[in-house]
Amino acid sequence: MKKLIVLLCLTSLSTALAQEFTKQDTLRGSITPERAWWDLNYYHLDIEVIPDDKFIAGSNTIRYKVLNQKQVLQVDLQPPLQIEKVTQDGKELKFSSKVNAHFINLEKPQKVGDYNEIIVHYSGKPKEAVRAPWDGGFSWKKDENGKHFVATSCQGLGASVWWPNKDHMYDEVDSMLISIKAPKDLMSVANGRLRKVEEQGNTKTYHWFVANPINNYGVNANIGDYVYFGEKYKGENGVLDLDYYVLRDNLEKAKKQFTDVPKLMKAFEHWFGPYPFYEDSFKLVEVPYLGMEHQSSVTYGNKYQNGYLGRDLSKTGWGLKFDYIIIHEAGHEWFANNITYKDIADMWVHEGFTTYSEALYVDYHFGEQAGNEYAIGIRGNIRNESPIIGVYEVNKRGSGDMYPKGANLLHTIRQVINDDEKWRSILRGLNKDFYHQTVTTQQVENYISEKAEMDFSKVFDQYLRTIKIPVFEYQVETDNVIKYRYTNVIEDFSMPIRLFVDDKELWLKPTAEWQTETLKTNVDNFKVDPNFYLEVKEL
């Protein structure tokens, strides 16, 4: 278990931000004393879903290791769902509640090193998703044949919107069994591998087992009139099962569209290393919303078309060469599910890297120039209205710029390193050295600087913690002499940039101070490499 690294804010900013948050935000977003003393080991989520009534009921068995001797344990569950009872060793326990946080009074002495279990029984009508997956919960829909089509999504909002758990990202359960009972004419699909199916009267229970650590929002339940098909992929760690669950009427469309999956595996294993969950397989599961990176159970709702619902987010043409949801959400298996943020304030670690994975996919299959064009193209989606890093310990994410701006920060760092084999080794190294771990942005930033043997600390501060985009200013002194510097930068910012002079590379190391460079040709024959995310201004 690791402590969060909290970045200090300016006092005035902290004061302003503090007014936005409540005690409930702190209970949701911080490692409270009632969370800190125990470490997750195993969940068994066992629920019945009744689509006709939009109702669920069941229990979650929570096995944990005692780290410190305490007697009050926090479990999270959001209204309108209610805890019916909590037991340990068959004995019912007392608990108190503060909205989403429930404090269980344990009677059994909690001895350091022991593994204990509680069972939380609950039921109710969970929050219905308003605009899944961004405002998630349960999506209660019907397919074109009138059959129930149900799915969950809960990033940010929290998995406690539909099941009781330790709802903080810093602690992942080591393994999990998910049992879903639903009407027998429907199939229930969750994370991991299917162990068995039990039929009981008018219902069927599907038991799915996850052998790897999993974060709470990565857990999902999907129920529909699914049909299955699959294939085998020969990957870096052996044979990987690629399993697909789609609505019955969409089988032929899926067989055509899902050919992107082996392609993404080839590209991402090249750039990021082996798929992190061979033991649990890889699944694409059709859902009634756009899609989400549920671990080993990636959900898909892009309507079987390329691009983002048919649109090219880069406006270059390259974004229509692949299905955005398949590529982006599967990229999260490496950055989100393998490497997971401890605090949602560092969500760029998920979204910046995964948005960049789209450019790397294009790079791998269509060439480096194509990948560069894609990365540059998505800059049109950057707003620069607020910083990418959010507010710590209150479950507050940063700006949506974490997607395109985070990707272009990484693309810029790749240019500065100027060694693609080293860059690839850094990306693969992140997935190896932080394998199945929760991390802070500071750990990721430090790792990149260390492995690149370059200090990127000010570069990260500039792009992640401010809305300032560096401006490369230059002034023509004579026909072949320029004076240059950076403006709109933080204190001590410096970053090498590449110029092309008569199609030959020239590297400069601008700072906020004026410097002079004599070119070997006329000033009119140089340009700054557009792969660097900055502005260029001639004075």
Protein backbone atom coordinates (compact mmCIF):
# COMPACT_ATOMS: atom_id res chain seq x y z
CA MET A 1 0.00 0.00 0.00
CA LYS A 2 1.45 3.33 -1.02
CA LYS A 3 0.79 6.84 0.24
CA LEU A 4 -0.41 9.43 -2.23
CA ILE A 5 2.06 12.08 -3.25
CA VAL A 6 0.15 15.33 -2.83
CA LEU A 7 1.27 18.28 -4.89
CA LEU A 8 1.10 21.60 -3.08
CA CYS A 9 -0.98 24.35 -4.65
CA LEU A 10 -0.63 28.08 -4.22
CA THR A 11 -2.39 29.22 -1.06
CA SER A 12 -4.82 31.45 -2.88
CA LEU A 13 -5.75 28.67 -5.30
CA SER A 14 -6.14 26.18 -2.46
CA THR A 15 -8.45 28.54 -0.63
CA ALA A 16 -10.61 29.04 -3.69
CA LEU A 17 -10.77 25.35 -4.48
CA ALA A 18 -11.47 24.37 -0.89
CA GLN A 19 -14.81 26.17 -1.07
CA GLU A 20 -15.99 23.81 -3.79
CA PHE A 21 -15.67 20.61 -1.80
CA THR A 22 -17.52 18.99 1.07
CA LYS A 23 -16.80 16.43 3.76
CA GLN A 24 -18.40 13.85 1.50
CA ASP A 25 -15.87 14.66 -1.22
CA THR A 26 -13.08 13.99 1.26
CA LEU A 27 -14.64 10.71 2.38
CA ARG A 28 -14.85 9.68 -1.27
CA GLY A 29 -11.49 10.99 -2.46
CA SER A 30 -9.02 10.51 0.39
CA ILE A 31 -7.39 7.58 2.14
CA THR A 32 -9.37 7.90 5.34
CA PRO A 33 -8.17 6.26 8.57
CA GLU A 34 -10.98 3.73 8.15
CA ARG A 35 -9.53 2.73 4.77
CA ALA A 36 -5.82 2.93 5.48
CA TRP A 37 -5.49 0.10 8.01
CA TRP A 38 -6.57 -2.74 5.72
CA ASP A 39 -5.49 -3.99 2.32
CA LEU A 40 -7.80 -5.56 -0.26
CA ASN A 41 -7.25 -9.21 -1.15
CA TYR A 42 -10.40 -10.64 -2.77
CA TYR A 43 -13.97 -9.76 -3.72
CA HIS A 44 -16.91 -12.00 -4.53
CA LEU A 45 -19.64 -9.83 -6.00
CA ASP A 46 -22.80 -11.93 -6.16
CA ILE A 47 -25.87 -10.09 -7.52
CA GLU A 48 -29.22 -10.64 -9.13
CA VAL A 49 -30.28 -8.12 -11.76
CA ILE A 50 -34.01 -7.75 -12.43
CA PRO A 51 -34.30 -5.60 -15.58
CA ASP A 52 -38.09 -5.40 -15.54
CA ASP A 53 -37.93 -3.58 -12.20
CA LYS A 54 -34.53 -1.87 -12.67
CA PHE A 55 -33.63 -3.53 -9.39
CA ILE A 56 -30.55 -5.32 -8.06
CA ALA A 57 -29.90 -7.32 -4.90
CA GLY A 58 -27.00 -9.33 -3.61
CA SER A 59 -23.80 -9.17 -1.64
CA ASN A 60 -20.10 -8.52 -1.83
CA THR A 61 -17.67 -10.63 0.16
CA ILE A 62 -14.61 -8.54 1.02
CA ARG A 63 -11.46 -10.36 2.09
CA TYR A 64 -8.73 -8.12 3.47
CA LYS A 65 -5.37 -8.19 5.19
CA VAL A 66 -4.99 -6.35 8.49
CA LEU A 67 -2.14 -3.82 8.34
CA ASN A 68 -2.85 -2.03 11.62
CA GLN A 69 -4.97 -2.97 14.59
CA LYS A 70 -8.21 -1.00 14.16
CA GLN A 71 -11.86 -1.90 14.64
CA VAL A 72 -13.78 0.43 12.26
CA LEU A 73 -13.76 -0.23 8.52
CA GLN A 74 -15.13 2.01 5.76
CA VAL A 75 -17.20 0.55 2.91
CA ASP A 76 -18.77 2.71 0.22
CA LEU A 77 -22.22 2.37 -1.35
CA GLN A 78 -24.20 5.17 -2.95
CA PRO A 79 -27.93 5.85 -2.43
CA PRO A 80 -30.53 4.91 -3.39
CA LEU A 81 -28.91 1.51 -2.86
CA GLN A 82 -29.02 0.44 0.77
CA ILE A 83 -26.97 -1.89 2.93
CA GLU A 84 -29.27 -4.48 4.47
CA LYS A 85 -26.72 -6.04 6.79
CA VAL A 86 -23.01 -6.69 7.26
CA THR A 87 -21.66 -9.91 8.75
CA GLN A 88 -18.30 -11.27 9.84
CA ASP A 89 -17.91 -14.96 10.68
CA GLY A 90 -21.70 -15.30 10.55
CA LYS A 91 -22.33 -12.54 13.08
CA GLU A 92 -24.23 -9.40 12.13
CA LEU A 93 -22.35 -6.15 12.76
CA LYS A 94 -23.43 -2.63 13.56
CA PHE A 95 -22.59 0.23 11.23
CA SER A 96 -23.18 3.96 10.82
CA SER A 97 -23.53 5.90 7.58
CA LYS A 98 -22.54 9.28 6.18
CA VAL A 99 -24.30 9.33 2.79
CA ASN A 100 -22.02 7.16 0.60
CA ALA A 101 -19.56 6.13 3.34
CA HIS A 102 -20.52 3.38 5.79
CA PHE A 103 -18.47 2.65 8.89
CA ILE A 104 -18.55 -0.97 10.04
CA ASN A 105 -17.91 -1.67 13.72
CA LEU A 106 -15.94 -4.92 13.85
CA GLU A 107 -16.25 -7.06 16.96
CA LYS A 108 -13.59 -9.63 16.15
CA PRO A 109 -10.08 -8.43 17.16
CA GLN A 110 -8.23 -7.37 14.03
CA LYS A 111 -4.71 -8.74 14.39
CA VAL A 112 -1.92 -7.47 12.15
CA GLY A 113 -1.20 -9.93 9.34
CA ASP A 114 -4.54 -11.75 9.58
CA TYR A 115 -6.84 -12.20 6.58
CA ASN A 116 -10.48 -11.58 7.48
CA GLU A 117 -13.76 -11.29 5.60
CA ILE A 118 -16.94 -9.28 5.83
CA ILE A 119 -20.04 -9.81 3.71
CA VAL A 120 -22.05 -6.73 2.76
CA HIS A 121 -25.65 -7.46 1.74
CA TYR A 122 -27.44 -4.75 -0.21
CA SER A 123 -30.31 -4.03 -2.59
CA GLY A 124 -32.26 -1.31 -4.36
CA LYS A 125 -32.71 0.56 -7.59
CA PRO A 126 -29.26 1.89 -8.52
CA LYS A 127 -28.69 5.28 -10.10
CA GLU A 128 -29.62 5.18 -13.75
CA ALA A 129 -26.96 6.46 -16.12
CA VAL A 130 -27.84 9.86 -17.56
CA ARG A 131 -25.15 10.07 -20.23
CA ALA A 132 -23.05 6.95 -19.97
CA PRO A 133 -20.17 6.55 -19.59
CA TRP A 134 -19.51 10.15 -18.46
CA ASP A 135 -22.45 10.32 -16.06
CA GLY A 136 -22.71 6.63 -15.35
CA GLY A 137 -24.57 4.06 -13.33
CA PHE A 138 -26.86 1.41 -14.79
CA SER A 139 -27.95 1.73 -18.41
CA TRP A 140 -31.34 0.04 -18.70
CA LYS A 141 -32.08 -0.20 -22.43
CA LYS A 142 -33.70 -2.58 -24.90
CA ASP A 143 -32.37 -3.84 -28.21
CA GLU A 144 -34.23 -3.59 -31.52
CA ASN A 145 -35.99 -6.88 -30.77
CA GLY A 146 -37.35 -5.57 -27.48
CA LYS A 147 -35.01 -7.59 -25.28
CA HIS A 148 -33.33 -6.09 -22.26
CA PHE A 149 -29.89 -4.59 -22.91
CA VAL A 150 -28.20 -3.62 -19.63
CA ALA A 151 -24.73 -2.35 -18.76
CA THR A 152 -22.80 -0.53 -16.04
CA SER A 153 -20.27 2.34 -16.21
CA CYS A 154 -18.90 4.33 -13.31
CA GLN A 155 -15.49 6.00 -13.75
CA GLY A 156 -15.19 9.09 -11.57
CA LEU A 157 -18.63 8.58 -10.11
CA GLY A 158 -17.34 5.46 -8.42
CA ALA A 159 -18.11 1.74 -8.50
CA SER A 160 -20.04 2.20 -5.26
CA VAL A 161 -22.85 3.52 -7.46
CA TRP A 162 -23.79 -0.12 -8.08
CA TRP A 163 -21.91 -2.36 -5.60
CA PRO A 164 -20.37 -1.99 -2.12
CA ASN A 165 -16.58 -1.80 -2.05
CA LYS A 166 -13.52 0.10 -0.90
CA ASP A 167 -14.11 2.87 -3.40
CA HIS A 168 -10.70 4.46 -3.74
CA MET A 169 -8.26 3.86 -6.57
CA TYR A 170 -5.10 3.47 -4.50
CA ASP A 171 -5.95 -0.09 -3.40
CA GLU A 172 -6.78 -2.77 -5.98
CA VAL A 173 -8.18 -6.17 -5.12
CA ASP A 174 -5.83 -9.04 -6.04
CA SER A 175 -8.53 -11.22 -7.65
CA MET A 176 -12.29 -11.29 -7.95
CA LEU A 177 -15.28 -13.52 -8.64
CA ILE A 178 -18.30 -11.87 -10.28
CA SER A 179 -21.58 -13.80 -10.22
CA ILE A 180 -24.52 -12.28 -12.11
CA LYS A 181 -28.01 -13.76 -12.06
CA ALA A 182 -30.41 -12.51 -14.74
CA PRO A 183 -33.32 -13.79 -16.88
CA LYS A 184 -32.29 -17.01 -18.59
CA ASP A 185 -32.99 -15.76 -22.12
CA LEU A 186 -30.15 -13.25 -21.65
CA MET A 187 -26.39 -13.67 -21.25
CA SER A 188 -24.40 -11.94 -18.50
CA VAL A 189 -20.82 -10.91 -19.32
CA ALA A 190 -18.27 -9.50 -16.88
CA ASN A 191 -14.50 -9.33 -16.45
CA GLY A 192 -12.07 -12.24 -16.62
CA ARG A 193 -12.94 -15.76 -17.72
CA LEU A 194 -16.25 -17.56 -17.53
CA ARG A 195 -16.03 -20.37 -14.97
CA LYS A 196 -19.53 -21.82 -15.11
CA VAL A 197 -23.20 -21.11 -15.80
CA GLU A 198 -25.98 -22.26 -13.48
CA GLU A 199 -29.63 -22.39 -14.51
CA GLN A 200 -32.26 -21.96 -11.80
CA GLY A 201 -35.87 -21.78 -12.95
CA ASN A 202 -36.27 -18.66 -15.09
CA THR A 203 -32.76 -17.37 -14.41
CA LYS A 204 -29.17 -18.13 -15.26
CA THR A 205 -26.14 -17.19 -13.16
CA TYR A 206 -22.85 -16.54 -14.94
CA HIS A 207 -19.71 -16.80 -12.81
CA TRP A 208 -16.70 -14.83 -14.07
CA PHE A 209 -13.29 -14.94 -12.39
CA VAL A 210 -10.60 -12.26 -12.59
CA ALA A 211 -7.14 -13.65 -11.81
CA ASN A 212 -5.32 -10.30 -11.87
CA PRO A 213 -5.55 -7.14 -9.75
CA ILE A 214 -8.40 -4.92 -10.91
CA ASN A 215 -9.52 -1.39 -10.06
CA ASN A 216 -13.09 -0.80 -8.96
CA TYR A 217 -14.31 1.18 -11.96
CA GLY A 218 -12.83 -1.48 -14.25
CA VAL A 219 -15.41 -3.98 -12.95
CA ASN A 220 -18.52 -4.24 -15.10
CA ALA A 221 -21.74 -6.16 -15.67
CA ASN A 222 -23.33 -6.46 -19.12
CA ILE A 223 -26.57 -8.27 -19.85
CA GLY A 224 -28.13 -8.81 -23.25
CA ASP A 225 -29.13 -11.16 -26.03
CA TYR A 226 -25.48 -11.80 -26.79
CA VAL A 227 -23.88 -14.20 -29.22
CA TYR A 228 -20.22 -15.14 -29.02
CA PHE A 229 -17.36 -15.50 -31.44
CA GLY A 230 -13.62 -15.40 -30.89
CA GLU A 231 -10.12 -16.00 -32.19
CA LYS A 232 -6.58 -16.69 -31.00
CA TYR A 233 -3.74 -14.18 -31.12
CA LYS A 234 -0.10 -15.25 -30.92
CA GLY A 235 1.36 -12.53 -28.75
CA GLU A 236 4.54 -11.82 -26.83
CA ASN A 237 3.44 -13.95 -23.87
CA GLY A 238 1.92 -16.81 -25.84
CA VAL A 239 -1.57 -17.43 -27.17
CA LEU A 240 -4.13 -14.80 -26.14
CA ASP A 241 -7.87 -15.49 -26.33
CA LEU A 242 -9.76 -12.70 -28.10
CA ASP A 243 -13.43 -13.08 -27.17
CA TYR A 244 -16.32 -11.05 -28.57
CA TYR A 245 -19.88 -10.70 -27.25
CA VAL A 246 -22.30 -8.79 -29.48
CA LEU A 247 -26.04 -8.49 -29.96
CA ARG A 248 -27.45 -11.27 -32.07
CA ASP A 249 -28.40 -9.04 -34.99
CA ASN A 250 -24.93 -7.45 -35.16
CA LEU A 251 -22.84 -10.61 -35.50
CA GLU A 252 -21.81 -10.15 -39.14
CA LYS A 253 -21.01 -6.46 -38.69
CA ALA A 254 -18.90 -7.29 -35.64
CA LYS A 255 -16.93 -9.96 -37.47
CA LYS A 256 -15.88 -7.31 -39.98
CA GLN A 257 -15.33 -4.39 -37.58
CA PHE A 258 -13.46 -6.29 -34.89
CA THR A 259 -10.63 -7.15 -37.26
CA ASP A 260 -9.02 -4.06 -35.69
CA VAL A 261 -8.34 -6.08 -32.52
CA PRO A 262 -5.41 -8.23 -33.72
CA LYS A 263 -3.98 -5.09 -35.36
CA LEU A 264 -4.08 -3.14 -32.10
CA MET A 265 -2.52 -6.04 -30.21
CA LYS A 266 0.35 -6.10 -32.68
CA ALA A 267 0.90 -2.34 -32.43
CA PHE A 268 0.50 -1.99 -28.67
CA GLU A 269 2.58 -5.02 -27.75
CA HIS A 270 5.30 -3.48 -29.91
CA TRP A 271 5.13 -0.09 -28.21
CA PHE A 272 4.01 -0.96 -24.67
CA GLY A 273 5.01 -4.57 -24.09
CA PRO A 274 2.91 -7.72 -23.57
CA TYR A 275 -0.83 -7.42 -23.04
CA PRO A 276 -1.07 -7.27 -19.24
CA PHE A 277 -3.87 -9.80 -18.65
CA TYR A 278 -3.24 -12.97 -20.65
CA GLU A 279 -4.69 -15.05 -17.79
CA ASP A 280 -8.02 -13.20 -18.08
CA SER A 281 -8.22 -13.02 -21.91
CA PHE A 282 -9.29 -9.96 -23.89
CA LYS A 283 -12.96 -9.27 -24.58
CA LEU A 284 -14.96 -6.74 -26.56
CA VAL A 285 -18.53 -6.53 -25.31
CA GLU A 286 -21.26 -4.56 -27.06
CA VAL A 287 -23.12 -2.10 -24.81
CA PRO A 288 -25.83 0.56 -25.20
CA TYR A 289 -23.39 3.46 -24.70
CA LEU A 290 -20.21 4.58 -26.48
CA GLY A 291 -17.66 2.40 -24.64
CA MET A 292 -15.33 2.07 -21.67
CA GLU A 293 -12.01 0.49 -20.69
CA HIS A 294 -13.34 -2.19 -18.36
CA GLN A 295 -10.42 -4.51 -17.67
CA SER A 296 -10.35 -7.59 -19.93
CA SER A 297 -13.96 -6.72 -20.76
CA VAL A 298 -13.68 -3.61 -22.92
CA THR A 299 -17.12 -2.29 -23.80
CA TYR A 300 -18.05 -1.14 -27.28
CA GLY A 301 -20.84 1.04 -28.67
CA ASN A 302 -19.35 2.90 -31.65
CA LYS A 303 -22.06 1.61 -33.99
CA TYR A 304 -19.65 -0.48 -36.09
CA GLN A 305 -18.02 2.41 -37.88
CA ASN A 306 -14.56 3.90 -38.05
CA GLY A 307 -13.59 7.11 -36.33
CA TYR A 308 -15.38 8.46 -33.28
CA LEU A 309 -19.01 7.80 -34.20
CA GLY A 310 -17.91 8.29 -37.78
CA ARG A 311 -15.88 11.47 -37.13
CA ASP A 312 -12.12 11.94 -37.43
CA LEU A 313 -11.01 13.72 -34.26
CA SER A 314 -7.71 14.64 -35.94
CA LYS A 315 -9.30 15.99 -39.13
CA THR A 316 -6.41 14.47 -41.08
CA GLY A 317 -8.11 11.44 -42.57
CA TRP A 318 -6.05 9.06 -40.43
CA GLY A 319 -8.74 8.94 -37.75
CA LEU A 320 -11.05 7.18 -40.20
CA LYS A 321 -8.59 4.35 -40.75
CA PHE A 322 -9.61 2.65 -37.49
CA ASP A 323 -12.47 2.29 -35.03
CA TYR A 324 -11.70 4.90 -32.37
CA ILE A 325 -13.46 3.09 -29.51
CA ILE A 326 -11.77 -0.24 -30.19
CA ILE A 327 -8.30 1.31 -30.36
CA HIS A 328 -8.65 3.88 -27.57
CA GLU A 329 -10.47 1.75 -25.02
CA ALA A 330 -8.22 -1.26 -25.63
CA GLY A 331 -5.18 1.00 -25.24
CA HIS A 332 -6.34 1.53 -21.68
CA GLU A 333 -5.48 -2.07 -20.88
CA TRP A 334 -1.91 -0.81 -20.60
CA PHE A 335 -2.53 2.73 -19.29
CA ALA A 336 -5.47 2.59 -16.83
CA ASN A 337 -5.78 -1.10 -16.08
CA ASN A 338 -2.14 -2.17 -15.88
CA ILE A 339 -0.83 1.21 -14.71
CA THR A 340 -3.59 2.88 -12.69
CA TYR A 341 -3.76 6.32 -11.08
CA LYS A 342 -3.99 6.42 -7.29
CA ASP A 343 -5.98 9.64 -7.40
CA ILE A 344 -8.25 10.79 -10.23
CA ALA A 345 -6.43 14.13 -10.15
CA ASP A 346 -3.73 12.24 -12.09
CA MET A 347 -6.16 10.92 -14.68
CA TRP A 348 -3.92 12.16 -17.49
CA VAL A 349 -1.80 9.06 -16.84
CA HIS A 350 -4.74 7.11 -18.27
CA GLU A 351 -6.03 9.45 -20.93
CA GLY A 352 -2.89 11.24 -22.14
CA PHE A 353 -1.00 8.01 -22.76
CA THR A 354 -4.00 6.27 -24.27
CA THR A 355 -4.84 9.14 -26.61
CA TYR A 356 -1.19 9.05 -27.62
CA SER A 357 -1.60 5.32 -28.24
CA GLU A 358 -3.94 6.23 -31.11
CA ALA A 359 -1.07 8.10 -32.79
CA LEU A 360 1.26 5.18 -32.12
CA TYR A 361 -1.26 2.80 -33.67
CA VAL A 362 -1.32 4.97 -36.80
CA ASP A 363 2.48 5.21 -36.67
CA TYR A 364 2.85 1.41 -36.51
CA HIS A 365 0.43 0.58 -39.31
CA PHE A 366 0.70 3.60 -41.62
CA GLY A 367 4.12 5.07 -40.92
CA GLU A 368 5.74 7.66 -38.67
CA GLN A 369 4.62 10.63 -40.77
CA ALA A 370 1.01 9.49 -40.54
CA GLY A 371 1.30 9.13 -36.77
CA ASN A 372 2.82 12.60 -36.53
CA GLU A 373 -0.01 14.08 -38.56
CA TYR A 374 -2.58 12.41 -36.32
CA ALA A 375 -0.93 13.71 -33.13
CA ILE A 376 -0.66 17.24 -34.52
CA GLY A 377 -4.23 17.07 -35.82
CA ILE A 378 -5.83 16.38 -32.44
CA ARG A 379 -4.36 19.64 -31.09
CA GLY A 380 -7.44 21.28 -32.55
CA ASN A 381 -9.40 19.79 -29.65
CA ILE A 382 -7.28 21.48 -26.94
CA ARG A 383 -8.98 24.34 -25.07
CA ASN A 384 -6.35 25.35 -22.50
CA GLU A 385 -8.97 26.67 -20.09
CA SER A 386 -7.75 24.88 -16.97
CA PRO A 387 -4.80 22.64 -15.98
CA ILE A 388 -4.66 18.94 -16.73
CA ILE A 389 -3.84 17.97 -13.13
CA GLY A 390 -6.91 18.02 -10.87
CA VAL A 391 -7.38 18.53 -7.14
CA TYR A 392 -6.08 15.81 -4.85
CA GLU A 393 -8.00 13.86 -2.19
CA VAL A 394 -11.48 15.08 -3.20
CA ASN A 395 -12.09 12.88 -6.29
CA LYS A 396 -11.64 15.81 -8.68
CA ARG A 397 -10.23 15.21 -12.15
CA GLY A 398 -8.46 17.87 -14.19
CA SER A 399 -9.24 19.38 -17.57
CA GLY A 400 -10.47 17.30 -20.48
CA ASP A 401 -7.33 18.54 -22.22
CA MET A 402 -5.69 15.54 -20.55
CA TYR A 403 -6.63 13.66 -23.74
CA PRO A 404 -5.20 15.68 -26.68
CA LYS A 405 -2.83 17.91 -24.72
CA GLY A 406 -1.52 15.01 -22.65
CA ALA A 407 -0.91 13.11 -25.88
CA ASN A 408 0.92 16.05 -27.41
CA LEU A 409 3.05 16.47 -24.29
CA LEU A 410 4.20 12.89 -24.80
CA HIS A 411 4.64 13.41 -28.53
CA THR A 412 6.82 16.45 -27.79
CA ILE A 413 8.92 14.51 -25.28
CA ARG A 414 9.47 11.85 -27.93
CA GLN A 415 10.91 14.55 -30.20
CA VAL A 416 13.19 15.90 -27.49
CA ILE A 417 14.55 12.42 -26.68
CA ASN A 418 15.14 11.99 -30.42
CA ASP A 419 15.76 8.26 -30.09
CA ASP A 420 12.75 6.08 -30.86
CA GLU A 421 14.30 2.91 -29.48
CA LYS A 422 14.90 4.67 -26.16
CA TRP A 423 11.38 6.11 -26.25
CA ARG A 424 9.90 2.70 -26.93
CA SER A 425 11.96 1.21 -24.10
CA ILE A 426 10.57 3.87 -21.76
CA LEU A 427 6.97 3.08 -22.71
CA ARG A 428 7.58 -0.64 -22.35
CA GLY A 429 9.53 -0.05 -19.15
CA LEU A 430 6.63 1.83 -17.57
CA ASN A 431 4.39 -1.18 -18.16
CA LYS A 432 7.01 -3.58 -16.86
CA ASP A 433 8.28 -1.66 -13.82
CA PHE A 434 4.80 -0.48 -12.73
CA TYR A 435 3.13 -3.76 -13.71
CA HIS A 436 -0.29 -4.10 -12.05
CA GLN A 437 0.39 -1.10 -9.80
CA THR A 438 -1.33 2.12 -8.81
CA VAL A 439 0.85 5.18 -9.36
CA THR A 440 1.08 8.94 -9.04
CA THR A 441 1.90 11.30 -11.88
CA GLN A 442 5.11 12.15 -10.04
CA GLN A 443 6.27 8.55 -10.26
CA VAL A 444 5.60 8.52 -14.00
CA GLU A 445 7.24 11.90 -14.56
CA ASN A 446 10.34 10.91 -12.59
CA TYR A 447 10.58 7.59 -14.43
CA ILE A 448 10.57 9.24 -17.84
CA SER A 449 13.22 11.77 -16.80
CA GLU A 450 15.39 9.07 -15.25
CA LYS A 451 15.24 6.66 -18.20
CA ALA A 452 15.63 9.42 -20.78
CA GLU A 453 18.57 10.84 -18.80
CA MET A 454 16.98 14.27 -19.25
CA ASP A 455 15.27 16.47 -16.70
CA PHE A 456 11.69 16.95 -17.92
CA SER A 457 10.37 18.24 -14.59
CA LYS A 458 9.78 21.79 -15.85
CA VAL A 459 8.29 20.49 -19.09
CA PHE A 460 5.75 18.45 -17.12
CA ASP A 461 5.02 21.41 -14.85
CA GLN A 462 4.48 23.68 -17.85
CA TYR A 463 2.09 21.41 -19.75
CA LEU A 464 0.32 19.61 -16.89
CA ARG A 465 0.00 22.30 -14.24
CA THR A 466 -0.52 25.48 -16.25
CA ILE A 467 -2.51 26.46 -19.33
CA LYS A 468 0.49 28.25 -20.84
CA ILE A 469 1.81 27.01 -24.16
CA PRO A 470 5.48 27.93 -24.71
CA VAL A 471 6.07 30.56 -27.38
CA PHE A 472 9.30 30.34 -29.37
CA GLU A 473 10.05 33.94 -30.24
CA TYR A 474 12.69 34.86 -32.73
CA GLN A 475 13.94 38.03 -34.31
CA VAL A 476 15.95 38.33 -37.53
CA GLU A 477 19.19 40.19 -36.86
CA THR A 478 20.73 39.78 -40.33
CA ASP A 479 20.10 37.51 -43.30
CA ASN A 480 21.47 34.49 -41.46
CA VAL A 481 21.45 35.47 -37.77
CA ILE A 482 18.47 35.06 -35.45
CA LYS A 483 17.93 35.99 -31.84
CA TYR A 484 15.52 33.69 -29.97
CA ARG A 485 13.98 32.85 -26.59
CA TYR A 486 10.91 31.30 -24.92
CA THR A 487 8.07 33.40 -23.56
CA ASN A 488 4.85 32.40 -21.79
CA VAL A 489 6.79 29.86 -19.74
CA ILE A 490 7.21 29.06 -16.06
CA GLU A 491 10.36 29.95 -14.16
CA ASP A 492 13.45 27.95 -15.22
CA PHE A 493 11.65 26.35 -18.16
CA SER A 494 13.89 25.04 -20.90
CA MET A 495 13.30 22.53 -23.68
CA PRO A 496 15.41 21.77 -26.76
CA ILE A 497 13.68 22.17 -30.10
CA ARG A 498 14.48 21.01 -33.60
CA LEU A 499 14.60 23.34 -36.58
CA PHE A 500 14.95 22.40 -40.21
CA VAL A 501 17.41 24.54 -42.15
CA ASP A 502 17.46 23.65 -45.84
CA ASP A 503 15.94 20.32 -44.78
CA LYS A 504 18.80 19.67 -42.35
CA GLU A 505 18.29 19.40 -38.60
CA LEU A 506 19.43 22.14 -36.26
CA TRP A 507 18.88 21.84 -32.51
CA LEU A 508 18.51 24.89 -30.29
CA LYS A 509 18.21 25.05 -26.51
CA PRO A 510 16.03 28.08 -25.85
CA THR A 511 15.34 29.46 -22.37
CA ALA A 512 13.59 32.63 -21.28
CA GLU A 513 16.81 34.54 -21.97
CA TRP A 514 17.74 35.86 -25.41
CA GLN A 515 20.29 33.81 -27.35
CA THR A 516 21.80 34.21 -30.82
CA GLU A 517 22.34 31.64 -33.57
CA THR A 518 24.15 32.02 -36.87
CA LEU A 519 22.60 29.91 -39.62
CA LYS A 520 24.45 28.51 -42.59
CA THR A 521 21.76 29.79 -44.92
CA ASN A 522 19.21 32.53 -45.27
CA VAL A 523 16.73 32.88 -42.40
CA ASP A 524 13.89 32.36 -44.87
CA ASN A 525 14.94 28.72 -45.26
CA PHE A 526 14.28 27.51 -41.71
CA LYS A 527 11.22 26.29 -39.86
CA VAL A 528 10.48 24.88 -36.42
CA ASP A 529 9.52 21.19 -36.37
CA PRO A 530 5.71 21.16 -35.99
CA ASN A 531 5.89 17.96 -33.90
CA PHE A 532 6.82 20.16 -30.92
CA TYR A 533 3.69 21.45 -29.22
CA LEU A 534 4.47 25.14 -28.95
CA GLU A 535 3.73 28.42 -30.70
CA VAL A 536 6.16 30.20 -33.00
CA LYS A 537 6.26 33.98 -33.22
CA GLU A 538 8.48 36.20 -35.33
CA LEU A 539 9.05 39.65 -33.85
